[in-house]
Amino acid sequence: MNRMASVLIGMGLLLIFLGLLWWAFGGLFSWFGRLPGDIRIERGNFSLYFPLTSMLLISLILNLIVYLISKIFNG
């Protein structure tokens, strides 16, 4: 249980750090959300935005992070 708590605290600190980076250097990520494959439909008073490519990129990055963390802690 103690190990799980330290992993959750570490992940929380990582999220805080990433949030601060995003806030400080938000202009560097202005391309995010407007990638090719992100679906945007605007007609009259209706708009639909489905960030398909952005979600796939986030999923890939998060899976890589979880994989690396599991390799570090499980040997």
N, C-alpha and C. Protein backbone atom coordinates (compact mmCIF):
# COMPACT_ATOMS: atom_id res chain seq x y z
N MET A 1 0.83 -1.19 0.00
CA MET A 1 0.00 0.00 0.00
C MET A 1 0.87 1.26 0.00
N ASN A 2 1.98 1.22 0.72
CA ASN A 2 2.87 2.35 0.80
C ASN A 2 3.47 2.69 -0.57
N ARG A 3 3.77 1.65 -1.35
CA ARG A 3 4.35 1.85 -2.68
C ARG A 3 3.34 2.52 -3.61
N MET A 4 2.07 2.09 -3.51
CA MET A 4 1.02 2.67 -4.35
C MET A 4 0.82 4.15 -4.01
N ALA A 5 0.88 4.48 -2.73
CA ALA A 5 0.74 5.88 -2.33
C ALA A 5 1.86 6.73 -2.92
N SER A 6 3.08 6.21 -2.90
CA SER A 6 4.19 6.99 -3.45
C SER A 6 4.06 7.14 -4.96
N VAL A 7 3.54 6.13 -5.63
CA VAL A 7 3.32 6.24 -7.08
C VAL A 7 2.26 7.30 -7.37
N LEU A 8 1.17 7.30 -6.62
CA LEU A 8 0.11 8.29 -6.84
C LEU A 8 0.60 9.70 -6.53
N ILE A 9 1.40 9.85 -5.48
CA ILE A 9 1.95 11.17 -5.17
C ILE A 9 2.89 11.62 -6.28
N GLY A 10 3.71 10.71 -6.78
CA GLY A 10 4.62 11.04 -7.88
C GLY A 10 3.86 11.44 -9.13
N MET A 11 2.79 10.72 -9.44
CA MET A 11 2.00 11.06 -10.62
C MET A 11 1.31 12.41 -10.45
N GLY A 12 0.85 12.69 -9.22
CA GLY A 12 0.24 13.99 -8.95
C GLY A 12 1.23 15.13 -9.11
N LEU A 13 2.42 14.93 -8.60
CA LEU A 13 3.46 15.96 -8.76
C LEU A 13 3.83 16.15 -10.23
N LEU A 14 3.86 15.06 -10.98
CA LEU A 14 4.13 15.15 -12.41
C LEU A 14 3.05 15.94 -13.12
N LEU A 15 1.78 15.71 -12.77
CA LEU A 15 0.68 16.46 -13.38
C LEU A 15 0.75 17.94 -13.03
N ILE A 16 1.10 18.25 -11.78
CA ILE A 16 1.26 19.65 -11.39
C ILE A 16 2.38 20.30 -12.20
N PHE A 17 3.50 19.60 -12.34
CA PHE A 17 4.63 20.12 -13.11
C PHE A 17 4.23 20.35 -14.57
N LEU A 18 3.52 19.38 -15.16
CA LEU A 18 3.09 19.54 -16.55
C LEU A 18 2.10 20.68 -16.70
N GLY A 19 1.22 20.84 -15.72
CA GLY A 19 0.28 21.96 -15.75
C GLY A 19 0.98 23.30 -15.69
N LEU A 20 2.01 23.40 -14.85
CA LEU A 20 2.78 24.64 -14.77
C LEU A 20 3.53 24.92 -16.07
N LEU A 21 4.08 23.87 -16.67
CA LEU A 21 4.75 24.05 -17.96
C LEU A 21 3.76 24.52 -19.03
N TRP A 22 2.59 23.91 -19.03
CA TRP A 22 1.56 24.28 -20.02
C TRP A 22 1.15 25.74 -19.82
N TRP A 23 1.00 26.15 -18.57
CA TRP A 23 0.62 27.52 -18.26
C TRP A 23 1.72 28.50 -18.66
N ALA A 24 2.96 28.16 -18.37
CA ALA A 24 4.08 29.06 -18.64
C ALA A 24 4.41 29.13 -20.13
N PHE A 25 4.35 28.00 -20.81
CA PHE A 25 4.74 27.93 -22.21
C PHE A 25 3.57 27.52 -23.09
N GLY A 26 2.40 28.05 -22.82
CA GLY A 26 1.20 27.68 -23.56
C GLY A 26 1.30 27.96 -25.05
N GLY A 27 2.05 28.96 -25.42
CA GLY A 27 2.21 29.29 -26.83
C GLY A 27 2.93 28.21 -27.62
N LEU A 28 3.74 27.41 -26.93
CA LEU A 28 4.46 26.33 -27.60
C LEU A 28 3.52 25.20 -28.02
N PHE A 29 2.39 25.10 -27.33
CA PHE A 29 1.45 24.03 -27.63
C PHE A 29 0.23 24.53 -28.39
N SER A 30 0.35 25.63 -29.09
CA SER A 30 -0.80 26.17 -29.80
C SER A 30 -1.23 25.27 -30.96
N TRP A 31 -0.36 24.41 -31.42
CA TRP A 31 -0.68 23.48 -32.50
C TRP A 31 -1.54 22.33 -32.01
N PHE A 32 -1.49 22.09 -30.70
CA PHE A 32 -2.22 20.96 -30.15
C PHE A 32 -3.71 21.25 -30.18
N GLY A 33 -4.47 20.30 -30.66
CA GLY A 33 -5.91 20.48 -30.82
C GLY A 33 -6.28 20.89 -32.23
N ARG A 34 -5.30 21.18 -33.05
CA ARG A 34 -5.53 21.52 -34.46
C ARG A 34 -4.69 20.65 -35.37
N LEU A 35 -4.55 19.39 -34.98
CA LEU A 35 -3.76 18.46 -35.76
C LEU A 35 -4.58 17.93 -36.94
N PRO A 36 -3.91 17.47 -38.00
CA PRO A 36 -4.64 16.82 -39.08
C PRO A 36 -5.34 15.57 -38.54
N GLY A 37 -6.60 15.43 -38.81
CA GLY A 37 -7.37 14.31 -38.29
C GLY A 37 -8.31 14.72 -37.18
N ASP A 38 -8.12 15.91 -36.60
CA ASP A 38 -9.08 16.45 -35.66
C ASP A 38 -10.29 16.96 -36.45
N ILE A 39 -11.45 16.48 -36.07
CA ILE A 39 -12.66 16.78 -36.84
C ILE A 39 -13.34 18.03 -36.28
N ARG A 40 -13.58 19.00 -37.15
CA ARG A 40 -14.25 20.23 -36.76
C ARG A 40 -15.32 20.55 -37.79
N ILE A 41 -16.56 20.63 -37.34
CA ILE A 41 -17.69 20.95 -38.21
C ILE A 41 -18.40 22.15 -37.62
N GLU A 42 -18.55 23.21 -38.40
CA GLU A 42 -19.25 24.41 -37.97
C GLU A 42 -20.26 24.79 -39.04
N ARG A 43 -21.54 24.78 -38.66
CA ARG A 43 -22.61 25.14 -39.59
C ARG A 43 -23.65 25.96 -38.84
N GLY A 44 -23.82 27.18 -39.22
CA GLY A 44 -24.81 28.04 -38.57
C GLY A 44 -24.55 28.16 -37.09
N ASN A 45 -25.53 27.77 -36.29
CA ASN A 45 -25.36 27.85 -34.84
C ASN A 45 -24.99 26.49 -34.24
N PHE A 46 -24.48 25.58 -35.05
CA PHE A 46 -24.07 24.25 -34.61
C PHE A 46 -22.57 24.10 -34.84
N SER A 47 -21.87 23.61 -33.84
CA SER A 47 -20.46 23.31 -34.03
C SER A 47 -20.12 22.01 -33.31
N LEU A 48 -19.29 21.21 -33.96
CA LEU A 48 -18.85 19.94 -33.42
C LEU A 48 -17.34 19.88 -33.55
N TYR A 49 -16.70 19.51 -32.46
CA TYR A 49 -15.25 19.37 -32.47
C TYR A 49 -14.92 18.02 -31.86
N PHE A 50 -14.26 17.17 -32.61
CA PHE A 50 -13.88 15.85 -32.15
C PHE A 50 -12.38 15.69 -32.39
N PRO A 51 -11.56 15.85 -31.34
CA PRO A 51 -10.10 15.84 -31.50
C PRO A 51 -9.54 14.42 -31.59
N LEU A 52 -9.81 13.73 -32.66
CA LEU A 52 -9.42 12.33 -32.82
C LEU A 52 -7.90 12.14 -32.76
N THR A 53 -7.16 12.87 -33.56
CA THR A 53 -5.71 12.72 -33.58
C THR A 53 -5.08 13.17 -32.27
N SER A 54 -5.59 14.23 -31.68
CA SER A 54 -5.06 14.70 -30.40
C SER A 54 -5.28 13.65 -29.31
N MET A 55 -6.46 13.00 -29.30
CA MET A 55 -6.72 11.96 -28.30
C MET A 55 -5.82 10.76 -28.51
N LEU A 56 -5.56 10.40 -29.75
CA LEU A 56 -4.65 9.28 -30.02
C LEU A 56 -3.23 9.61 -29.56
N LEU A 57 -2.81 10.84 -29.77
CA LEU A 57 -1.48 11.26 -29.33
C LEU A 57 -1.36 11.23 -27.81
N ILE A 58 -2.38 11.73 -27.11
CA ILE A 58 -2.38 11.70 -25.65
C ILE A 58 -2.37 10.26 -25.16
N SER A 59 -3.17 9.39 -25.78
CA SER A 59 -3.21 7.99 -25.39
C SER A 59 -1.85 7.32 -25.57
N LEU A 60 -1.20 7.60 -26.67
CA LEU A 60 0.13 7.03 -26.93
C LEU A 60 1.13 7.49 -25.87
N ILE A 61 1.13 8.77 -25.55
CA ILE A 61 2.06 9.31 -24.56
C ILE A 61 1.78 8.73 -23.18
N LEU A 62 0.50 8.67 -22.78
CA LEU A 62 0.17 8.13 -21.47
C LEU A 62 0.51 6.64 -21.37
N ASN A 63 0.26 5.88 -22.43
CA ASN A 63 0.62 4.47 -22.43
C ASN A 63 2.13 4.28 -22.31
N LEU A 64 2.89 5.12 -22.97
CA LEU A 64 4.35 5.06 -22.87
C LEU A 64 4.82 5.36 -21.45
N ILE A 65 4.21 6.37 -20.82
CA ILE A 65 4.57 6.73 -19.45
C ILE A 65 4.24 5.59 -18.49
N VAL A 66 3.04 5.00 -18.63
CA VAL A 66 2.66 3.90 -17.75
C VAL A 66 3.56 2.69 -17.97
N TYR A 67 3.92 2.43 -19.21
CA TYR A 67 4.82 1.32 -19.51
C TYR A 67 6.18 1.54 -18.86
N LEU A 68 6.72 2.75 -18.98
CA LEU A 68 8.03 3.03 -18.39
C LEU A 68 7.98 2.96 -16.86
N ILE A 69 6.90 3.46 -16.27
CA ILE A 69 6.76 3.40 -14.81
C ILE A 69 6.68 1.95 -14.35
N SER A 70 5.93 1.11 -15.09
CA SER A 70 5.81 -0.29 -14.69
C SER A 70 7.16 -1.02 -14.85
N LYS A 71 7.95 -0.67 -15.85
CA LYS A 71 9.27 -1.26 -16.00
C LYS A 71 10.20 -0.83 -14.89
N ILE A 72 10.10 0.40 -14.44
CA ILE A 72 10.96 0.90 -13.37
C ILE A 72 10.63 0.20 -12.06
N PHE A 73 9.33 0.10 -11.72
CA PHE A 73 8.94 -0.45 -10.42
C PHE A 73 8.89 -1.96 -10.39
N ASN A 74 8.70 -2.61 -11.54
CA ASN A 74 8.61 -4.08 -11.56
C ASN A 74 9.90 -4.74 -12.03
N GLY A 75 10.86 -3.96 -12.37
CA GLY A 75 12.16 -4.52 -12.76
C GLY A 75 12.17 -4.87 -14.16
